[in-house]
C-alpha atoms as a PDB file:
ATOM      1  CA  MET A   1     212.960 181.029 140.866  1.00  0.00           C
ATOM      2  CA  ASN A   2     210.733 184.048 140.699  1.00  0.00           C
ATOM      3  CA  GLN A   3     211.692 187.069 138.665  1.00  0.00           C
ATOM      4  CA  ARG A   4     211.980 189.374 141.673  1.00  0.00           C
ATOM      5  CA  PHE A   5     214.577 187.137 143.338  1.00  0.00           C
ATOM      6  CA  SER A   6     216.459 186.782 140.089  1.00  0.00           C
ATOM      7  CA  HIS A   7     216.884 190.530 139.576  1.00  0.00           C
ATOM      8  CA  ARG A   8     217.991 191.110 143.177  1.00  0.00           C
ATOM      9  CA  HIS A   9     220.435 188.219 143.012  1.00  0.00           C
ATOM     10  CA  PHE A  10     222.125 189.611 139.900  1.00  0.00           C
ATOM     11  CA  ARG A  11     222.173 193.162 141.285  1.00  0.00           C
ATOM     12  CA  ASP A  12     223.798 191.898 144.494  1.00  0.00           C
ATOM     13  CA  ARG A  13     226.404 189.989 142.461  1.00  0.00           C
ATOM     14  CA  ALA A  14     227.134 193.090 140.394  1.00  0.00           C
ATOM     15  CA  ASP A  15     227.622 195.077 143.623  1.00  0.00           C
ATOM     16  CA  GLN A  16     230.059 192.438 144.896  1.00  0.00           C
ATOM     17  CA  VAL A  17     232.036 192.488 141.659  1.00  0.00           C
ATOM     18  CA  GLY A  18     232.168 196.295 141.732  1.00  0.00           C
ATOM     19  CA  THR A  19     233.338 196.260 145.353  1.00  0.00           C
ATOM     20  CA  PHE A  20     236.037 193.705 144.525  1.00  0.00           C
ATOM     21  CA  LYS A  21     237.217 195.718 141.525  1.00  0.00           C
ATOM     22  CA  LEU A  22     237.534 198.896 143.562  1.00  0.00           C
ATOM     23  CA  ALA A  23     239.103 197.265 146.619  1.00  0.00           C
ATOM     24  CA  VAL A  24     241.514 194.867 144.915  1.00  0.00           C
ATOM     25  CA  ALA A  25     241.708 194.732 141.146  1.00  0.00           C
ATOM     26  CA  GLU A  26     242.006 198.437 140.370  1.00  0.00           C
ATOM     27  CA  ARG A  27     243.562 199.710 143.592  1.00  0.00           C
ATOM     28  CA  TYR A  28     247.185 198.655 143.094  1.00  0.00           C
ATOM     29  CA  ARG A  29     249.668 197.744 140.393  1.00  0.00           C
ATOM     30  CA  TYR A  30     250.681 194.178 141.123  1.00  0.00           C
ATOM     31  CA  GLN A  31     254.172 192.951 140.312  1.00  0.00           C
ATOM     32  CA  SER A  32     252.949 189.439 139.529  1.00  0.00           C
ATOM     33  CA  LEU A  33     249.851 187.318 139.165  1.00  0.00           C
ATOM     34  CA  GLY A  34     250.802 185.598 142.420  1.00  0.00           C
ATOM     35  CA  ALA A  35     250.793 188.922 144.279  1.00  0.00           C
ATOM     36  CA  PHE A  36     247.357 189.751 142.881  1.00  0.00           C
ATOM     37  CA  LEU A  37     245.975 186.330 143.788  1.00  0.00           C
ATOM     38  CA  HIS A  38     247.302 186.624 147.346  1.00  0.00           C
ATOM     39  CA  VAL A  39     245.602 189.999 147.859  1.00  0.00           C
ATOM     40  CA  ALA A  40     242.415 188.744 146.166  1.00  0.00           C
ATOM     41  CA  GLU A  41     242.214 185.661 148.414  1.00  0.00           C
ATOM     42  CA  THR A  42     242.825 187.755 151.539  1.00  0.00           C
ATOM     43  CA  TRP A  43     240.083 190.212 150.551  1.00  0.00           C
ATOM     44  CA  ILE A  44     237.572 187.475 149.643  1.00  0.00           C
ATOM     45  CA  ASN A  45     238.158 185.718 152.962  1.00  0.00           C
ATOM     46  CA  PHE A  46     237.668 189.009 154.844  1.00  0.00           C
ATOM     47  CA  TYR A  47     234.512 189.753 152.823  1.00  0.00           C
ATOM     48  CA  ASN A  48     233.011 186.343 153.598  1.00  0.00           C
ATOM     49  CA  GLN A  49     234.260 185.749 157.128  1.00  0.00           C
ATOM     50  CA  GLN A  50     234.447 189.108 158.904  1.00  0.00           C
ATOM     51  CA  ARG A  51     232.762 191.938 157.013  1.00  0.00           C
ATOM     52  CA  PRO A  52     229.199 192.671 158.159  1.00  0.00           C
ATOM     53  CA  HIS A  53     226.624 192.642 155.358  1.00  0.00           C
ATOM     54  CA  GLU A  54     223.562 194.852 155.626  1.00  0.00           C
ATOM     55  CA  GLY A  55     221.456 192.277 153.765  1.00  0.00           C
ATOM     56  CA  LEU A  56     222.353 189.691 156.432  1.00  0.00           C
ATOM     57  CA  GLY A  57     221.324 191.828 159.384  1.00  0.00           C
ATOM     58  CA  ASN A  58     224.856 193.232 159.745  1.00  0.00           C
ATOM     59  CA  LEU A  59     226.326 189.777 160.204  1.00  0.00           C
ATOM     60  CA  SER A  60     229.064 188.248 158.091  1.00  0.00           C
ATOM     61  CA  PRO A  61     228.324 185.278 155.832  1.00  0.00           C
ATOM     62  CA  GLN A  62     230.478 183.216 158.206  1.00  0.00           C
ATOM     63  CA  GLN A  63     228.300 184.186 161.176  1.00  0.00           C
ATOM     64  CA  ILE A  64     225.187 183.166 159.230  1.00  0.00           C
ATOM     65  CA  ALA A  65     226.822 179.851 158.312  1.00  0.00           C
ATOM     66  CA  GLU A  66     227.670 179.227 161.972  1.00  0.00           C
ATOM     67  CA  GLN A  67     224.094 180.014 163.050  1.00  0.00           C
ATOM     68  CA  LEU A  68     222.818 177.505 160.494  1.00  0.00           C
ATOM     69  CA  ALA A  69     225.486 174.938 161.469  1.00  0.00           C
ATOM     70  CA  LEU A  70     227.003 175.008 157.965  1.00  0.00           C
ATOM     71  CA  GLU A  71     230.631 174.566 157.004  1.00  0.00           C
ATOM     72  CA  ARG A  72     233.138 177.389 157.173  1.00  0.00           C
ATOM     73  CA  VAL A  73     232.889 179.996 154.394  1.00  0.00           C
ATOM     74  CA  GLY A  74     236.159 180.237 152.442  1.00  0.00           C
ATOM     75  CA  LYS A  75     239.511 179.020 153.727  1.00  0.00           C
END
């Protein structure tokens, strides 16, 4: 792995974690761990299956997987 890819990969991961924190983890007060996990799973599935990603040519990861004949992303 070259250093340039490595830095971008970690920056992209940090952006994803920040997005998750703002959209799910810090947005509501959850009454239970189960409630949090339900919202987290719903958001992750949306993020991977429906949300367009600029770095993927405004396609979702699921659309990229389908183009490459890969398995479904998420549940």
